[in-house]
Amino acid sequence: MITELNHRERATLRAVAQGHAEISCSCEPDLFIDGLSCCDQSTAHRLARLGLIAPAHEGARGELVLAVLTVSGKEALGTVRTAAVAAA
């Protein structure tokens, strides 16, 4: 479980949530924001490894597809309530 995201990670998640991001289909995916390579690919890789962002659908190796927030990404960004919070 992630305890805290830094400002850049939260900003990247917001860009993904707003539909501005594409992700490459690969084991270490690269992120593109508004058609430009993300300036901090280590943040993009971390968010993907943590399961916070993912491709919207499968694609060929290296293909760029829409990036989306996973349920965990939405929770980390605070855009969806977890079952534990909803039950409280």
C-alpha atoms as a PDB file:
ATOM      1  CA  MET A   1       0.000   0.000   0.000  1.00  0.00           C
ATOM      2  CA  ILE A   2       1.261   3.459  -0.864  1.00  0.00           C
ATOM      3  CA  THR A   3       1.476   5.763   2.104  1.00  0.00           C
ATOM      4  CA  GLU A   4       2.166   8.998   0.226  1.00  0.00           C
ATOM      5  CA  LEU A   5       2.598  10.274  -3.310  1.00  0.00           C
ATOM      6  CA  ASN A   6       4.771  13.251  -4.107  1.00  0.00           C
ATOM      7  CA  HIS A   7       3.516  16.304  -5.999  1.00  0.00           C
ATOM      8  CA  ARG A   8       4.844  15.116  -9.360  1.00  0.00           C
ATOM      9  CA  GLU A   9       3.235  11.683  -8.979  1.00  0.00           C
ATOM     10  CA  ARG A  10      -0.136  13.251  -8.105  1.00  0.00           C
ATOM     11  CA  ALA A  11       0.137  15.655 -11.062  1.00  0.00           C
ATOM     12  CA  THR A  12       0.897  12.728 -13.372  1.00  0.00           C
ATOM     13  CA  LEU A  13      -2.107  10.816 -12.045  1.00  0.00           C
ATOM     14  CA  ARG A  14      -4.314  13.877 -12.643  1.00  0.00           C
ATOM     15  CA  ALA A  15      -3.090  14.131 -16.261  1.00  0.00           C
ATOM     16  CA  VAL A  16      -3.930  10.453 -16.775  1.00  0.00           C
ATOM     17  CA  ALA A  17      -7.347  10.913 -15.133  1.00  0.00           C
ATOM     18  CA  GLN A  18      -8.101  13.841 -17.460  1.00  0.00           C
ATOM     19  CA  GLY A  19      -7.343  11.735 -20.550  1.00  0.00           C
ATOM     20  CA  HIS A  20      -4.144  13.571 -21.522  1.00  0.00           C
ATOM     21  CA  ALA A  21      -1.820  10.554 -21.353  1.00  0.00           C
ATOM     22  CA  GLU A  22      -0.775   7.663 -23.545  1.00  0.00           C
ATOM     23  CA  ILE A  23       1.333   4.757 -22.349  1.00  0.00           C
ATOM     24  CA  SER A  24       3.570   2.405 -24.306  1.00  0.00           C
ATOM     25  CA  CYS A  25       2.759  -1.284 -24.156  1.00  0.00           C
ATOM     26  CA  SER A  26       5.902  -2.745 -22.616  1.00  0.00           C
ATOM     27  CA  CYS A  27       7.267  -4.151 -19.368  1.00  0.00           C
ATOM     28  CA  GLU A  28       8.670  -0.694 -18.477  1.00  0.00           C
ATOM     29  CA  PRO A  29       6.037   1.538 -20.070  1.00  0.00           C
ATOM     30  CA  ASP A  30       6.823   5.092 -21.108  1.00  0.00           C
ATOM     31  CA  LEU A  31       4.253   7.816 -20.635  1.00  0.00           C
ATOM     32  CA  PHE A  32       3.367  10.602 -23.051  1.00  0.00           C
ATOM     33  CA  ILE A  33       1.379  13.652 -21.974  1.00  0.00           C
ATOM     34  CA  ASP A  34      -0.408  15.592 -24.712  1.00  0.00           C
ATOM     35  CA  GLY A  35       1.779  13.820 -27.271  1.00  0.00           C
ATOM     36  CA  LEU A  36       5.077  14.694 -25.584  1.00  0.00           C
ATOM     37  CA  SER A  37       7.329  12.286 -23.724  1.00  0.00           C
ATOM     38  CA  CYS A  38       6.858  12.643 -19.973  1.00  0.00           C
ATOM     39  CA  CYS A  39       9.841  14.500 -18.524  1.00  0.00           C
ATOM     40  CA  ASP A  40      10.081  12.049 -15.598  1.00  0.00           C
ATOM     41  CA  GLN A  41       9.900   8.497 -16.885  1.00  0.00           C
ATOM     42  CA  SER A  42      11.005   7.144 -13.489  1.00  0.00           C
ATOM     43  CA  THR A  43       7.745   8.523 -12.050  1.00  0.00           C
ATOM     44  CA  ALA A  44       5.808   6.930 -14.898  1.00  0.00           C
ATOM     45  CA  HIS A  45       7.532   3.592 -14.323  1.00  0.00           C
ATOM     46  CA  ARG A  46       6.888   3.773 -10.572  1.00  0.00           C
ATOM     47  CA  LEU A  47       3.186   4.537 -11.054  1.00  0.00           C
ATOM     48  CA  ALA A  48       2.878   1.603 -13.467  1.00  0.00           C
ATOM     49  CA  ARG A  49       4.791  -0.778 -11.148  1.00  0.00           C
ATOM     50  CA  LEU A  50       2.573   0.270  -8.242  1.00  0.00           C
ATOM     51  CA  GLY A  51      -0.464  -0.552 -10.360  1.00  0.00           C
ATOM     52  CA  LEU A  52      -1.823   3.007 -10.347  1.00  0.00           C
ATOM     53  CA  ILE A  53      -1.823   3.499 -14.132  1.00  0.00           C
ATOM     54  CA  ALA A  54      -2.283   1.018 -16.953  1.00  0.00           C
ATOM     55  CA  PRO A  55      -3.029   0.844 -20.670  1.00  0.00           C
ATOM     56  CA  ALA A  56      -6.740   1.202 -21.463  1.00  0.00           C
ATOM     57  CA  HIS A  57      -6.435  -1.916 -23.644  1.00  0.00           C
ATOM     58  CA  GLU A  58      -3.818  -4.348 -24.863  1.00  0.00           C
ATOM     59  CA  GLY A  59      -1.661  -3.312 -27.758  1.00  0.00           C
ATOM     60  CA  ALA A  60       1.334  -4.477 -29.738  1.00  0.00           C
ATOM     61  CA  ARG A  61       4.711  -4.202 -28.022  1.00  0.00           C
ATOM     62  CA  GLY A  62       5.732  -0.538 -28.059  1.00  0.00           C
ATOM     63  CA  GLU A  63       2.347   0.697 -29.281  1.00  0.00           C
ATOM     64  CA  LEU A  64       0.976   3.817 -27.596  1.00  0.00           C
ATOM     65  CA  VAL A  65      -2.513   3.471 -26.135  1.00  0.00           C
ATOM     66  CA  LEU A  66      -4.607   5.604 -23.829  1.00  0.00           C
ATOM     67  CA  ALA A  67      -3.397   5.484 -20.234  1.00  0.00           C
ATOM     68  CA  VAL A  68      -6.002   5.104 -17.501  1.00  0.00           C
ATOM     69  CA  LEU A  69      -6.077   5.092 -13.733  1.00  0.00           C
ATOM     70  CA  THR A  70      -6.645   1.745 -12.123  1.00  0.00           C
ATOM     71  CA  VAL A  71      -8.973   1.446  -9.135  1.00  0.00           C
ATOM     72  CA  SER A  72      -5.880   1.790  -6.935  1.00  0.00           C
ATOM     73  CA  GLY A  73      -4.864   4.895  -8.881  1.00  0.00           C
ATOM     74  CA  LYS A  74      -8.297   6.439  -8.370  1.00  0.00           C
ATOM     75  CA  GLU A  75      -8.084   5.649  -4.667  1.00  0.00           C
ATOM     76  CA  ALA A  76      -4.597   7.153  -4.434  1.00  0.00           C
ATOM     77  CA  LEU A  77      -5.816  10.297  -6.162  1.00  0.00           C
ATOM     78  CA  GLY A  78      -8.903  10.378  -3.965  1.00  0.00           C
ATOM     79  CA  THR A  79     -11.402  10.165  -6.805  1.00  0.00           C
ATOM     80  CA  VAL A  80     -13.072   6.982  -5.561  1.00  0.00           C
ATOM     81  CA  ARG A  81     -13.960   5.831  -2.082  1.00  0.00           C
ATOM     82  CA  THR A  82     -12.688   2.502  -0.848  1.00  0.00           C
ATOM     83  CA  ALA A  83     -15.098  -0.085   0.570  1.00  0.00           C
ATOM     84  CA  ALA A  84     -13.621   0.466   4.060  1.00  0.00           C
ATOM     85  CA  VAL A  85     -14.310   4.198   3.890  1.00  0.00           C
ATOM     86  CA  ALA A  86     -17.796   3.630   2.470  1.00  0.00           C
ATOM     87  CA  ALA A  87     -18.613   1.205   5.297  1.00  0.00           C
ATOM     88  CA  ALA A  88     -17.476   3.625   8.036  1.00  0.00           C
END
